[in-house]
Amino acid sequence: MQQEPICTVLFCSTKVLAERQWQKAKDMNAQKPKI
């Protein structure tokens, strides 16, 4: 029962993806004119 490495890799890549999406959203919000 040694599934830790796979889970860690999946978790890490998911975290990276989420952070990238968040950064993209932040950039888009920054470019948007404030109402």
PDB file of N, CA and C in Angstrom:
ATOM      1  N   MET A   1       0.852  -1.208   0.000  1.00  0.00           N
ATOM      2  CA  MET A   1       0.000   0.000   0.000  1.00  0.00           C
ATOM      3  C   MET A   1       0.883   1.253   0.000  1.00  0.00           C
ATOM      4  N   GLN A   2       1.605   1.458  -1.087  1.00  0.00           N
ATOM      5  CA  GLN A   2       2.477   2.639  -1.146  1.00  0.00           C
ATOM      6  C   GLN A   2       2.015   3.528  -2.304  1.00  0.00           C
ATOM      7  N   GLN A   3       0.937   4.245  -2.077  1.00  0.00           N
ATOM      8  CA  GLN A   3       0.401   5.127  -3.120  1.00  0.00           C
ATOM      9  C   GLN A   3       0.737   6.583  -2.832  1.00  0.00           C
ATOM     10  N   GLU A   4       1.507   6.809  -1.785  1.00  0.00           N
ATOM     11  CA  GLU A   4       1.798   8.193  -1.400  1.00  0.00           C
ATOM     12  C   GLU A   4       2.461   8.992  -2.518  1.00  0.00           C
ATOM     13  N   PRO A   5       3.521   8.468  -3.148  1.00  0.00           N
ATOM     14  CA  PRO A   5       4.200   9.253  -4.188  1.00  0.00           C
ATOM     15  C   PRO A   5       3.242   9.743  -5.267  1.00  0.00           C
ATOM     16  N   ILE A   6       2.391   8.837  -5.759  1.00  0.00           N
ATOM     17  CA  ILE A   6       1.459   9.219  -6.822  1.00  0.00           C
ATOM     18  C   ILE A   6       0.525  10.320  -6.322  1.00  0.00           C
ATOM     19  N   CYS A   7      -0.010  10.122  -5.133  1.00  0.00           N
ATOM     20  CA  CYS A   7      -0.930  11.115  -4.582  1.00  0.00           C
ATOM     21  C   CYS A   7      -0.229  12.463  -4.435  1.00  0.00           C
ATOM     22  N   THR A   8       1.007  12.420  -3.960  1.00  0.00           N
ATOM     23  CA  THR A   8       1.739  13.667  -3.764  1.00  0.00           C
ATOM     24  C   THR A   8       1.940  14.370  -5.095  1.00  0.00           C
ATOM     25  N   VAL A   9       2.322  13.606  -6.104  1.00  0.00           N
ATOM     26  CA  VAL A   9       2.542  14.209  -7.427  1.00  0.00           C
ATOM     27  C   VAL A   9       1.246  14.820  -7.936  1.00  0.00           C
ATOM     28  N   LEU A  10       0.160  14.074  -7.814  1.00  0.00           N
ATOM     29  CA  LEU A  10      -1.132  14.585  -8.269  1.00  0.00           C
ATOM     30  C   LEU A  10      -1.487  15.857  -7.519  1.00  0.00           C
ATOM     31  N   PHE A  11      -1.311  15.806  -6.200  1.00  0.00           N
ATOM     32  CA  PHE A  11      -1.667  16.959  -5.377  1.00  0.00           C
ATOM     33  C   PHE A  11      -0.831  18.165  -5.767  1.00  0.00           C
ATOM     34  N   CYS A  12       0.482  17.928  -5.951  1.00  0.00           N
ATOM     35  CA  CYS A  12       1.385  19.032  -6.290  1.00  0.00           C
ATOM     36  C   CYS A  12       0.984  19.652  -7.616  1.00  0.00           C
ATOM     37  N   SER A  13       0.756  18.813  -8.628  1.00  0.00           N
ATOM     38  CA  SER A  13       0.412  19.348  -9.946  1.00  0.00           C
ATOM     39  C   SER A  13      -0.921  20.090  -9.879  1.00  0.00           C
ATOM     40  N   THR A  14      -1.860  19.554  -9.097  1.00  0.00           N
ATOM     41  CA  THR A  14      -3.147  20.233  -8.958  1.00  0.00           C
ATOM     42  C   THR A  14      -2.956  21.582  -8.294  1.00  0.00           C
ATOM     43  N   LYS A  15      -2.103  21.607  -7.272  1.00  0.00           N
ATOM     44  CA  LYS A  15      -1.849  22.865  -6.566  1.00  0.00           C
ATOM     45  C   LYS A  15      -1.231  23.882  -7.517  1.00  0.00           C
ATOM     46  N   VAL A  16      -0.267  23.422  -8.301  1.00  0.00           N
ATOM     47  CA  VAL A  16       0.395  24.328  -9.252  1.00  0.00           C
ATOM     48  C   VAL A  16      -0.623  24.864 -10.251  1.00  0.00           C
ATOM     49  N   LEU A  17      -1.471  23.965 -10.754  1.00  0.00           N
ATOM     50  CA  LEU A  17      -2.485  24.390 -11.718  1.00  0.00           C
ATOM     51  C   LEU A  17      -3.414  25.421 -11.092  1.00  0.00           C
ATOM     52  N   ALA A  18      -3.860  25.146  -9.877  1.00  0.00           N
ATOM     53  CA  ALA A  18      -4.770  26.063  -9.199  1.00  0.00           C
ATOM     54  C   ALA A  18      -4.104  27.418  -9.004  1.00  0.00           C
ATOM     55  N   GLU A  19      -2.833  27.389  -8.597  1.00  0.00           N
ATOM     56  CA  GLU A  19      -2.127  28.652  -8.382  1.00  0.00           C
ATOM     57  C   GLU A  19      -1.998  29.421  -9.691  1.00  0.00           C
ATOM     58  N   ARG A  20      -1.737  28.695 -10.777  1.00  0.00           N
ATOM     59  CA  ARG A  20      -1.603  29.353 -12.075  1.00  0.00           C
ATOM     60  C   ARG A  20      -2.928  29.996 -12.475  1.00  0.00           C
ATOM     61  N   GLN A  21      -4.027  29.246 -12.293  1.00  0.00           N
ATOM     62  CA  GLN A  21      -5.346  29.779 -12.625  1.00  0.00           C
ATOM     63  C   GLN A  21      -5.636  31.018 -11.795  1.00  0.00           C
ATOM     64  N   TRP A  22      -5.282  30.950 -10.494  1.00  0.00           N
ATOM     65  CA  TRP A  22      -5.527  32.067  -9.595  1.00  0.00           C
ATOM     66  C   TRP A  22      -4.743  33.286 -10.056  1.00  0.00           C
ATOM     67  N   GLN A  23      -3.487  33.060 -10.425  1.00  0.00           N
ATOM     68  CA  GLN A  23      -2.642  34.161 -10.889  1.00  0.00           C
ATOM     69  C   GLN A  23      -3.239  34.775 -12.154  1.00  0.00           C
ATOM     70  N   LYS A  24      -3.722  33.919 -13.057  1.00  0.00           N
ATOM     71  CA  LYS A  24      -4.313  34.404 -14.300  1.00  0.00           C
ATOM     72  C   LYS A  24      -5.532  35.265 -13.990  1.00  0.00           C
ATOM     73  N   ALA A  25      -6.383  34.768 -13.086  1.00  0.00           N
ATOM     74  CA  ALA A  25      -7.585  35.512 -12.718  1.00  0.00           C
ATOM     75  C   ALA A  25      -7.198  36.847 -12.096  1.00  0.00           C
ATOM     76  N   LYS A  26      -6.158  36.823 -11.261  1.00  0.00           N
ATOM     77  CA  LYS A  26      -5.717  38.054 -10.612  1.00  0.00           C
ATOM     78  C   LYS A  26      -5.251  39.058 -11.668  1.00  0.00           C
ATOM     79  N   ASP A  27      -4.484  38.575 -12.634  1.00  0.00           N
ATOM     80  CA  ASP A  27      -3.997  39.462 -13.688  1.00  0.00           C
ATOM     81  C   ASP A  27      -5.165  40.049 -14.471  1.00  0.00           C
ATOM     82  N   MET A  28      -6.133  39.215 -14.804  1.00  0.00           N
ATOM     83  CA  MET A  28      -7.291  39.691 -15.556  1.00  0.00           C
ATOM     84  C   MET A  28      -8.044  40.737 -14.753  1.00  0.00           C
ATOM     85  N   ASN A  29      -8.199  40.500 -13.462  1.00  0.00           N
ATOM     86  CA  ASN A  29      -8.894  41.466 -12.615  1.00  0.00           C
ATOM     87  C   ASN A  29      -8.124  42.773 -12.547  1.00  0.00           C
ATOM     88  N   ALA A  30      -6.803  42.676 -12.530  1.00  0.00           N
ATOM     89  CA  ALA A  30      -5.982  43.880 -12.450  1.00  0.00           C
ATOM     90  C   ALA A  30      -6.125  44.694 -13.733  1.00  0.00           C
ATOM     91  N   GLN A  31      -6.274  44.013 -14.868  1.00  0.00           N
ATOM     92  CA  GLN A  31      -6.393  44.717 -16.141  1.00  0.00           C
ATOM     93  C   GLN A  31      -7.786  45.305 -16.322  1.00  0.00           C
ATOM     94  N   LYS A  32      -8.756  44.735 -15.638  1.00  0.00           N
ATOM     95  CA  LYS A  32     -10.128  45.221 -15.771  1.00  0.00           C
ATOM     96  C   LYS A  32     -10.256  46.610 -15.160  1.00  0.00           C
ATOM     97  N   PRO A  33     -10.942  47.514 -15.835  1.00  0.00           N
ATOM     98  CA  PRO A  33     -11.179  48.838 -15.243  1.00  0.00           C
ATOM     99  C   PRO A  33     -12.144  48.726 -14.074  1.00  0.00           C
ATOM    100  N   LYS A  34     -11.809  49.378 -12.980  1.00  0.00           N
ATOM    101  CA  LYS A  34     -12.672  49.290 -11.788  1.00  0.00           C
ATOM    102  C   LYS A  34     -13.917  50.138 -11.988  1.00  0.00           C
ATOM    103  N   ILE A  35     -15.041  49.566 -11.590  1.00  0.00           N
ATOM    104  CA  ILE A  35     -16.315  50.279 -11.756  1.00  0.00           C
ATOM    105  C   ILE A  35     -16.683  50.972 -10.450  1.00  0.00           C
TER     106      ILE A  35
END
